Amino acid sequence: METNRGNEGILSDELAGQREEVVDLLKTAYFMELETVMNYVSNSVNPDGVRAQEVKESLEEDIQEELGHAQQYAARIKELYGVVPGSTEFSAGQMSLQPAREQTDIVHVIKGVIDAETKAIEHYTRIIEQTEGLDPVTQDMVIDVLRDEQGHRKLFEGYLREYAAEGLA
């Protein structure tokens, strides 16, 4: 159906195919964020021990930020004439962020967060590259989210260095 959106950039009918590609990338990002929320909840509750407290608190603080990212991605999917997917389209992928066998294994949690943040950074960088010159609104939003994810990874890399310096990682 023709909509007369010829001069509207990514929203134009002529760019429908490229817009659908961007929407697919955003759907992946949306599910990555929601999976991160699930895993941050479990990893902010499950670990035991005094040393785990700071990591648990950090994850607890990040839950709302990650949920906010998912909400941003959902809104942008809708703005690009996509349909925000439901749970039946979800497929888990963050194996490294699954709860540790030993609840005192905080290094497992730290490494899992670093791995998940690295994968998010890689995917968001791909979205930024894909939207270059095509969709500056999506690109700008993803750049902001990317900054947050880089900060999260940097924080947890610091935790890992501390554990390594003490011979615990």
N, C-alpha and C. Protein backbone atom coordinates (compact mmCIF):
# COMPACT_ATOMS: atom_id res chain seq x y z
N MET A 1 0.85 -1.18 0.00
CA MET A 1 0.00 0.00 0.00
C MET A 1 0.89 1.24 0.00
N GLU A 2 0.67 2.09 -0.95
CA GLU A 2 1.42 3.35 -1.07
C GLU A 2 0.94 4.33 0.01
N THR A 3 1.89 4.99 0.67
CA THR A 3 1.51 5.89 1.76
C THR A 3 1.95 7.33 1.53
N ASN A 4 2.61 7.60 0.41
CA ASN A 4 3.11 8.95 0.12
C ASN A 4 4.11 9.44 1.16
N ARG A 5 4.99 8.58 1.59
CA ARG A 5 6.04 8.98 2.52
C ARG A 5 7.37 9.05 1.77
N GLY A 6 7.35 9.64 0.59
CA GLY A 6 8.51 9.66 -0.28
C GLY A 6 9.71 10.43 0.23
N ASN A 7 9.52 11.51 0.95
CA ASN A 7 10.62 12.34 1.42
C ASN A 7 10.90 12.18 2.90
N GLU A 8 10.61 11.04 3.45
CA GLU A 8 10.72 10.85 4.89
C GLU A 8 11.84 9.91 5.28
N GLY A 9 12.88 9.83 4.50
CA GLY A 9 14.04 9.01 4.86
C GLY A 9 13.67 7.57 5.12
N ILE A 10 14.11 7.04 6.24
CA ILE A 10 13.90 5.64 6.59
C ILE A 10 12.42 5.27 6.63
N LEU A 11 11.54 6.24 6.80
CA LEU A 11 10.11 5.98 6.84
C LEU A 11 9.48 5.92 5.46
N SER A 12 10.25 6.26 4.42
CA SER A 12 9.71 6.29 3.07
C SER A 12 9.44 4.88 2.54
N ASP A 13 8.50 4.80 1.61
CA ASP A 13 8.16 3.52 1.00
C ASP A 13 9.35 2.92 0.25
N GLU A 14 10.18 3.78 -0.34
CA GLU A 14 11.33 3.31 -1.12
C GLU A 14 12.36 2.59 -0.25
N LEU A 15 12.39 2.90 1.02
CA LEU A 15 13.37 2.30 1.93
C LEU A 15 12.76 1.22 2.83
N ALA A 16 11.61 0.71 2.43
CA ALA A 16 10.92 -0.29 3.25
C ALA A 16 11.80 -1.52 3.53
N GLY A 17 12.52 -1.98 2.55
CA GLY A 17 13.38 -3.15 2.75
C GLY A 17 14.49 -2.89 3.75
N GLN A 18 15.13 -1.75 3.62
CA GLN A 18 16.20 -1.40 4.56
C GLN A 18 15.63 -1.14 5.95
N ARG A 19 14.44 -0.56 6.00
CA ARG A 19 13.79 -0.31 7.29
C ARG A 19 13.51 -1.64 7.99
N GLU A 20 13.05 -2.63 7.25
CA GLU A 20 12.78 -3.95 7.84
C GLU A 20 14.06 -4.58 8.37
N GLU A 21 15.19 -4.37 7.70
CA GLU A 21 16.47 -4.89 8.19
C GLU A 21 16.84 -4.23 9.52
N VAL A 22 16.62 -2.92 9.61
CA VAL A 22 16.90 -2.20 10.86
C VAL A 22 15.97 -2.69 11.96
N VAL A 23 14.71 -2.89 11.64
CA VAL A 23 13.75 -3.40 12.63
C VAL A 23 14.19 -4.77 13.14
N ASP A 24 14.65 -5.63 12.26
CA ASP A 24 15.12 -6.95 12.69
C ASP A 24 16.31 -6.83 13.65
N LEU A 25 17.24 -5.92 13.35
CA LEU A 25 18.38 -5.70 14.25
C LEU A 25 17.90 -5.15 15.60
N LEU A 26 16.91 -4.28 15.56
CA LEU A 26 16.37 -3.73 16.81
C LEU A 26 15.64 -4.79 17.62
N LYS A 27 14.97 -5.71 16.96
CA LYS A 27 14.30 -6.80 17.67
C LYS A 27 15.33 -7.66 18.41
N THR A 28 16.43 -7.93 17.76
CA THR A 28 17.50 -8.69 18.42
C THR A 28 18.01 -7.93 19.63
N ALA A 29 18.23 -6.62 19.48
CA ALA A 29 18.70 -5.80 20.60
C ALA A 29 17.67 -5.79 21.73
N TYR A 30 16.40 -5.70 21.38
CA TYR A 30 15.31 -5.71 22.36
C TYR A 30 15.36 -6.98 23.20
N PHE A 31 15.48 -8.13 22.53
CA PHE A 31 15.54 -9.39 23.25
C PHE A 31 16.83 -9.54 24.05
N MET A 32 17.94 -9.01 23.54
CA MET A 32 19.19 -9.05 24.30
C MET A 32 19.03 -8.31 25.62
N GLU A 33 18.40 -7.15 25.57
CA GLU A 33 18.20 -6.36 26.78
C GLU A 33 17.27 -7.07 27.77
N LEU A 34 16.18 -7.64 27.26
CA LEU A 34 15.26 -8.34 28.15
C LEU A 34 15.91 -9.57 28.78
N GLU A 35 16.72 -10.29 28.01
CA GLU A 35 17.42 -11.44 28.58
C GLU A 35 18.42 -10.98 29.63
N THR A 36 19.07 -9.86 29.38
CA THR A 36 20.00 -9.31 30.37
C THR A 36 19.27 -8.98 31.66
N VAL A 37 18.09 -8.40 31.55
CA VAL A 37 17.30 -8.09 32.74
C VAL A 37 17.02 -9.37 33.54
N MET A 38 16.59 -10.43 32.85
CA MET A 38 16.31 -11.69 33.55
C MET A 38 17.56 -12.20 34.27
N ASN A 39 18.67 -12.18 33.57
CA ASN A 39 19.90 -12.73 34.15
C ASN A 39 20.49 -11.83 35.23
N TYR A 40 20.32 -10.51 35.09
CA TYR A 40 20.78 -9.61 36.15
C TYR A 40 19.94 -9.79 37.40
N VAL A 41 18.64 -10.04 37.24
CA VAL A 41 17.79 -10.30 38.41
C VAL A 41 18.31 -11.54 39.14
N SER A 42 18.49 -12.64 38.41
CA SER A 42 18.93 -13.87 39.08
C SER A 42 20.32 -13.71 39.68
N ASN A 43 21.21 -13.00 38.99
CA ASN A 43 22.57 -12.84 39.50
C ASN A 43 22.70 -11.72 40.53
N SER A 44 21.64 -10.96 40.73
CA SER A 44 21.66 -9.98 41.83
C SER A 44 21.03 -10.57 43.09
N VAL A 45 20.50 -11.77 42.98
CA VAL A 45 19.86 -12.44 44.11
C VAL A 45 20.63 -13.69 44.54
N ASN A 46 21.06 -14.51 43.59
CA ASN A 46 21.62 -15.83 43.89
C ASN A 46 22.98 -15.85 44.60
N PRO A 47 23.93 -15.03 44.21
CA PRO A 47 25.28 -15.17 44.81
C PRO A 47 25.29 -14.95 46.32
N ASP A 48 26.16 -15.73 46.97
CA ASP A 48 26.34 -15.64 48.42
C ASP A 48 27.73 -15.13 48.75
N GLY A 49 27.87 -14.55 49.92
CA GLY A 49 29.18 -14.15 50.42
C GLY A 49 29.34 -12.65 50.48
N VAL A 50 30.20 -12.22 51.38
CA VAL A 50 30.46 -10.80 51.59
C VAL A 50 31.04 -10.17 50.32
N ARG A 51 31.93 -10.87 49.65
CA ARG A 51 32.57 -10.33 48.45
C ARG A 51 31.57 -10.14 47.30
N ALA A 52 30.49 -10.88 47.33
CA ALA A 52 29.50 -10.81 46.26
C ALA A 52 28.62 -9.57 46.35
N GLN A 53 28.56 -8.94 47.51
CA GLN A 53 27.60 -7.88 47.74
C GLN A 53 27.73 -6.72 46.75
N GLU A 54 28.93 -6.24 46.50
CA GLU A 54 29.11 -5.10 45.60
C GLU A 54 28.67 -5.44 44.18
N VAL A 55 28.99 -6.63 43.72
CA VAL A 55 28.60 -7.05 42.38
C VAL A 55 27.07 -7.18 42.30
N LYS A 56 26.47 -7.77 43.31
CA LYS A 56 25.01 -7.90 43.34
C LYS A 56 24.33 -6.54 43.30
N GLU A 57 24.84 -5.60 44.09
CA GLU A 57 24.26 -4.26 44.11
C GLU A 57 24.41 -3.56 42.77
N SER A 58 25.55 -3.74 42.12
CA SER A 58 25.78 -3.14 40.81
C SER A 58 24.79 -3.69 39.79
N LEU A 59 24.59 -5.00 39.81
CA LEU A 59 23.63 -5.61 38.88
C LEU A 59 22.21 -5.12 39.16
N GLU A 60 21.88 -5.02 40.43
CA GLU A 60 20.54 -4.55 40.81
C GLU A 60 20.29 -3.14 40.27
N GLU A 61 21.29 -2.28 40.35
CA GLU A 61 21.16 -0.92 39.82
C GLU A 61 21.01 -0.92 38.30
N ASP A 62 21.68 -1.86 37.64
CA ASP A 62 21.66 -1.89 36.18
C ASP A 62 20.36 -2.45 35.61
N ILE A 63 19.58 -3.16 36.40
CA ILE A 63 18.35 -3.79 35.91
C ILE A 63 17.42 -2.75 35.28
N GLN A 64 17.18 -1.65 35.98
CA GLN A 64 16.26 -0.63 35.47
C GLN A 64 16.81 0.02 34.20
N GLU A 65 18.12 0.21 34.14
CA GLU A 65 18.72 0.81 32.95
C GLU A 65 18.56 -0.12 31.75
N GLU A 66 18.81 -1.41 31.95
CA GLU A 66 18.68 -2.38 30.86
C GLU A 66 17.22 -2.48 30.42
N LEU A 67 16.30 -2.46 31.36
CA LEU A 67 14.88 -2.48 31.01
C LEU A 67 14.51 -1.24 30.21
N GLY A 68 15.07 -0.10 30.60
CA GLY A 68 14.85 1.13 29.84
C GLY A 68 15.36 1.02 28.41
N HIS A 69 16.50 0.36 28.23
CA HIS A 69 17.01 0.16 26.88
C HIS A 69 16.02 -0.68 26.06
N ALA A 70 15.50 -1.74 26.66
CA ALA A 70 14.53 -2.59 25.96
C ALA A 70 13.30 -1.77 25.56
N GLN A 71 12.87 -0.90 26.45
CA GLN A 71 11.71 -0.06 26.15
C GLN A 71 12.01 0.91 25.02
N GLN A 72 13.22 1.45 24.99
CA GLN A 72 13.61 2.33 23.89
C GLN A 72 13.60 1.58 22.56
N TYR A 73 14.16 0.39 22.57
CA TYR A 73 14.17 -0.40 21.34
C TYR A 73 12.76 -0.74 20.90
N ALA A 74 11.88 -1.10 21.84
CA ALA A 74 10.49 -1.41 21.50
C ALA A 74 9.81 -0.21 20.86
N ALA A 75 9.99 0.96 21.46
CA ALA A 75 9.36 2.17 20.91
C ALA A 75 9.87 2.46 19.49
N ARG A 76 11.17 2.27 19.28
CA ARG A 76 11.72 2.56 17.95
C ARG A 76 11.24 1.54 16.93
N ILE A 77 11.12 0.28 17.33
CA ILE A 77 10.57 -0.74 16.43
C ILE A 77 9.19 -0.29 15.95
N LYS A 78 8.36 0.14 16.88
CA LYS A 78 7.01 0.59 16.55
C LYS A 78 7.04 1.82 15.65
N GLU A 79 7.92 2.78 15.95
CA GLU A 79 8.04 3.99 15.13
C GLU A 79 8.44 3.66 13.70
N LEU A 80 9.17 2.57 13.51
CA LEU A 80 9.61 2.16 12.18
C LEU A 80 8.61 1.21 11.52
N TYR A 81 7.38 1.23 12.02
CA TYR A 81 6.28 0.44 11.47
C TYR A 81 6.48 -1.06 11.66
N GLY A 82 7.27 -1.44 12.65
CA GLY A 82 7.43 -2.84 12.99
C GLY A 82 6.48 -3.21 14.11
N VAL A 83 6.49 -4.49 14.45
CA VAL A 83 5.67 -5.00 15.54
C VAL A 83 6.63 -5.50 16.62
N VAL A 84 6.47 -4.98 17.82
CA VAL A 84 7.31 -5.40 18.93
C VAL A 84 6.95 -6.86 19.24
N PRO A 85 7.95 -7.75 19.22
CA PRO A 85 7.66 -9.17 19.38
C PRO A 85 7.30 -9.55 20.82
N GLY A 86 6.55 -10.64 20.93
CA GLY A 86 6.21 -11.20 22.23
C GLY A 86 7.16 -12.32 22.60
N SER A 87 6.89 -12.95 23.71
CA SER A 87 7.80 -13.94 24.27
C SER A 87 7.98 -15.19 23.42
N THR A 88 7.00 -15.53 22.59
CA THR A 88 7.15 -16.75 21.78
C THR A 88 8.24 -16.62 20.73
N GLU A 89 8.64 -15.40 20.43
CA GLU A 89 9.73 -15.18 19.47
C GLU A 89 11.10 -15.14 20.15
N PHE A 90 11.11 -15.21 21.47
CA PHE A 90 12.36 -15.11 22.22
C PHE A 90 13.12 -16.43 22.22
N SER A 91 14.43 -16.33 22.06
CA SER A 91 15.32 -17.49 22.16
C SER A 91 16.53 -17.09 22.99
N ALA A 92 16.74 -17.76 24.10
CA ALA A 92 17.82 -17.40 25.02
C ALA A 92 19.18 -17.65 24.38
N GLY A 93 20.15 -16.79 24.73
CA GLY A 93 21.49 -16.92 24.18
C GLY A 93 22.62 -16.61 25.16
N GLN A 94 22.30 -16.11 26.33
CA GLN A 94 23.34 -15.69 27.28
C GLN A 94 23.72 -16.84 28.21
N MET A 95 24.36 -17.84 27.64
CA MET A 95 24.73 -19.01 28.43
C MET A 95 25.73 -18.66 29.54
N SER A 96 26.61 -17.72 29.28
CA SER A 96 27.64 -17.38 30.28
C SER A 96 27.07 -16.62 31.48
N LEU A 97 25.85 -16.14 31.38
CA LEU A 97 25.23 -15.40 32.49
C LEU A 97 24.27 -16.26 33.31
N GLN A 98 24.23 -17.54 33.03
CA GLN A 98 23.37 -18.43 33.82
C GLN A 98 23.94 -18.54 35.23
N PRO A 99 23.08 -18.76 36.22
CA PRO A 99 23.57 -18.84 37.59
C PRO A 99 24.69 -19.89 37.76
N ALA A 100 25.66 -19.56 38.57
CA ALA A 100 26.79 -20.45 38.83
C ALA A 100 26.33 -21.65 39.65
N ARG A 101 27.03 -22.77 39.49
CA ARG A 101 26.74 -23.96 40.31
C ARG A 101 26.97 -23.66 41.78
N GLU A 102 28.08 -22.98 42.05
CA GLU A 102 28.40 -22.59 43.42
C GLU A 102 28.01 -21.12 43.59
N GLN A 103 27.14 -20.85 44.49
CA GLN A 103 26.63 -19.49 44.66
C GLN A 103 27.69 -18.52 45.16
N THR A 104 28.84 -19.00 45.58
CA THR A 104 29.94 -18.12 45.99
C THR A 104 30.89 -17.82 44.83
N ASP A 105 30.62 -18.36 43.65
CA ASP A 105 31.47 -18.15 42.47
C ASP A 105 31.11 -16.83 41.80
N ILE A 106 31.55 -15.75 42.40
CA ILE A 106 31.23 -14.43 41.88
C ILE A 106 32.01 -14.12 40.61
N VAL A 107 33.16 -14.75 40.43
CA VAL A 107 33.94 -14.56 39.19
C VAL A 107 33.15 -15.05 37.99
N HIS A 108 32.39 -16.12 38.16
CA HIS A 108 31.52 -16.62 37.08
C HIS A 108 30.54 -15.52 36.65
N VAL A 109 29.95 -14.86 37.63
CA VAL A 109 28.99 -13.79 37.34
C VAL A 109 29.70 -12.64 36.62
N ILE A 110 30.83 -12.24 37.12
CA ILE A 110 31.58 -11.12 36.53
C ILE A 110 31.94 -11.42 35.07
N LYS A 111 32.46 -12.61 34.83
CA LYS A 111 32.82 -12.99 33.45
C LYS A 111 31.59 -13.07 32.56
N GLY A 112 30.48 -13.54 33.11
CA GLY A 112 29.23 -13.59 32.35
C GLY A 112 28.75 -12.21 31.94
N VAL A 113 28.84 -11.25 32.85
CA VAL A 113 28.44 -9.88 32.54
C VAL A 113 29.34 -9.30 31.46
N ILE A 114 30.63 -9.51 31.58
CA ILE A 114 31.58 -9.00 30.58
C ILE A 114 31.25 -9.60 29.20
N ASP A 115 30.98 -10.89 29.16
CA ASP A 115 30.64 -11.55 27.89
C ASP A 115 29.35 -10.98 27.30
N ALA A 116 28.32 -10.84 28.12
CA ALA A 116 27.04 -10.31 27.63
C ALA A 116 27.18 -8.88 27.16
N GLU A 117 27.92 -8.06 27.89
CA GLU A 117 28.11 -6.66 27.49
C GLU A 117 28.93 -6.58 26.20
N THR A 118 29.92 -7.46 26.06
CA THR A 118 30.72 -7.47 24.83
C THR A 118 29.85 -7.81 23.63
N LYS A 119 28.99 -8.81 23.77
CA LYS A 119 28.10 -9.18 22.66
C LYS A 119 27.13 -8.06 22.33
N ALA A 120 26.63 -7.37 23.36
CA ALA A 120 25.75 -6.23 23.12
C ALA A 120 26.50 -5.12 22.39
N ILE A 121 27.71 -4.84 22.81
CA ILE A 121 28.53 -3.81 22.17
C ILE A 121 28.75 -4.15 20.69
N GLU A 122 29.04 -5.40 20.42
CA GLU A 122 29.25 -5.83 19.03
C GLU A 122 27.98 -5.66 18.21
N HIS A 123 26.84 -6.07 18.77
CA HIS A 123 25.58 -5.96 18.03
C HIS A 123 25.19 -4.50 17.82
N TYR A 124 25.35 -3.68 18.85
CA TYR A 124 24.96 -2.28 18.73
C TYR A 124 25.87 -1.54 17.77
N THR A 125 27.13 -1.92 17.73
CA THR A 125 28.04 -1.34 16.74
C THR A 125 27.57 -1.68 15.33
N ARG A 126 27.09 -2.90 15.14
CA ARG A 126 26.56 -3.31 13.84
C ARG A 126 25.35 -2.45 13.46
N ILE A 127 24.46 -2.20 14.43
CA ILE A 127 23.29 -1.35 14.14
C ILE A 127 23.74 0.05 13.75
N ILE A 128 24.71 0.58 14.47
CA ILE A 128 25.22 1.93 14.17
C ILE A 128 25.77 1.97 12.75
N GLU A 129 26.53 0.96 12.38
CA GLU A 129 27.08 0.90 11.02
C GLU A 129 25.96 0.77 9.99
N GLN A 130 24.97 -0.06 10.26
CA GLN A 130 23.86 -0.30 9.33
C GLN A 130 23.02 0.95 9.12
N THR A 131 22.90 1.78 10.15
CA THR A 131 22.03 2.96 10.06
C THR A 131 22.78 4.21 9.59
N GLU A 132 24.09 4.11 9.40
CA GLU A 132 24.89 5.26 8.95
C GLU A 132 24.32 5.81 7.64
N GLY A 133 23.94 7.08 7.66
CA GLY A 133 23.41 7.73 6.47
C GLY A 133 22.00 7.30 6.10
N LEU A 134 21.41 6.42 6.86
CA LEU A 134 20.09 5.88 6.56
C LEU A 134 19.05 6.28 7.60
N ASP A 135 19.41 6.15 8.86
CA ASP A 135 18.46 6.35 9.95
C ASP A 135 19.17 6.99 11.14
N PRO A 136 19.36 8.31 11.10
CA PRO A 136 20.09 8.98 12.17
C PRO A 136 19.40 8.91 13.53
N VAL A 137 18.09 8.79 13.56
CA VAL A 137 17.38 8.72 14.83
C VAL A 137 17.72 7.42 15.56
N THR A 138 17.61 6.31 14.86
CA THR A 138 17.98 5.03 15.45
C THR A 138 19.45 5.02 15.81
N GLN A 139 20.28 5.53 14.93
CA GLN A 139 21.71 5.55 15.18
C GLN A 139 22.04 6.32 16.45
N ASP A 140 21.44 7.48 16.61
CA ASP A 140 21.69 8.30 17.79
C ASP A 140 21.26 7.58 19.07
N MET A 141 20.10 6.95 19.03
CA MET A 141 19.60 6.22 20.19
C MET A 141 20.55 5.08 20.56
N VAL A 142 20.99 4.33 19.56
CA VAL A 142 21.85 3.18 19.81
C VAL A 142 23.23 3.64 20.30
N ILE A 143 23.71 4.76 19.81
CA ILE A 143 24.99 5.30 20.32
C ILE A 143 24.88 5.58 21.81
N ASP A 144 23.76 6.14 22.25
CA ASP A 144 23.57 6.40 23.68
C ASP A 144 23.55 5.10 24.49
N VAL A 145 22.85 4.09 23.98
CA VAL A 145 22.80 2.80 24.67
C VAL A 145 24.18 2.16 24.67
N LEU A 146 24.89 2.26 23.56
CA LEU A 146 26.24 1.70 23.46
C LEU A 146 27.15 2.29 24.54
N ARG A 147 27.04 3.57 24.78
CA ARG A 147 27.84 4.23 25.82
C ARG A 147 27.57 3.59 27.18
N ASP A 148 26.30 3.33 27.48
CA ASP A 148 25.95 2.68 28.75
C ASP A 148 26.56 1.29 28.84
N GLU A 149 26.47 0.52 27.75
CA GLU A 149 26.98 -0.85 27.76
C GLU A 149 28.51 -0.86 27.92
N GLN A 150 29.17 0.07 27.29
CA GLN A 150 30.63 0.15 27.44
C GLN A 150 31.00 0.47 28.88
N GLY A 151 30.22 1.33 29.52
CA GLY A 151 30.46 1.66 30.93
C GLY A 151 30.26 0.46 31.83
N HIS A 152 29.19 -0.33 31.55
CA HIS A 152 28.95 -1.53 32.35
C HIS A 152 30.11 -2.51 32.20
N ARG A 153 30.55 -2.72 30.96
CA ARG A 153 31.64 -3.66 30.76
C ARG A 153 32.90 -3.19 31.47
N LYS A 154 33.21 -1.92 31.37
CA LYS A 154 34.40 -1.36 32.01
C LYS A 154 34.35 -1.59 33.52
N LEU A 155 33.22 -1.36 34.14
CA LEU A 155 33.06 -1.58 35.57
C LEU A 155 33.35 -3.04 35.94
N PHE A 156 32.78 -3.96 35.19
CA PHE A 156 32.97 -5.38 35.50
C PHE A 156 34.37 -5.87 35.14
N GLU A 157 35.00 -5.26 34.17
CA GLU A 157 36.41 -5.57 33.91
C GLU A 157 37.26 -5.17 35.11
N GLY A 158 36.90 -4.07 35.75
CA GLY A 158 37.58 -3.64 36.97
C GLY A 158 37.40 -4.64 38.09
N TYR A 159 36.17 -5.14 38.25
CA TYR A 159 35.93 -6.18 39.26
C TYR A 159 36.80 -7.40 38.98
N LEU A 160 36.88 -7.80 37.70
CA LEU A 160 37.66 -8.98 37.35
C LEU A 160 39.14 -8.77 37.61
N ARG A 161 39.65 -7.57 37.29
CA ARG A 161 41.07 -7.28 37.57
C ARG A 161 41.35 -7.37 39.07
N GLU A 162 40.42 -6.88 39.88
CA GLU A 162 40.59 -6.94 41.33
C GLU A 162 40.65 -8.39 41.80
N TYR A 163 39.75 -9.22 41.33
CA TYR A 163 39.75 -10.63 41.71
C TYR A 163 41.02 -11.32 41.20
N ALA A 164 41.46 -10.97 40.00
CA ALA A 164 42.69 -11.57 39.44
C ALA A 164 43.91 -11.17 40.25
N ALA A 165 43.95 -9.92 40.69
CA ALA A 165 45.10 -9.44 41.47
C ALA A 165 45.21 -10.17 42.81
N GLU A 166 44.06 -10.63 43.30
CA GLU A 166 44.05 -11.37 44.56
C GLU A 166 44.15 -12.87 44.35
N GLY A 167 44.36 -13.29 43.09
CA GLY A 167 44.49 -14.69 42.78
C GLY A 167 43.17 -15.46 42.82
N LEU A 168 42.07 -14.76 42.67
CA LEU A 168 40.75 -15.40 42.77
C LEU A 168 40.07 -15.58 41.41
N ALA A 169 40.75 -15.15 40.35
CA ALA A 169 40.17 -15.30 39.01
C ALA A 169 41.14 -15.94 38.07
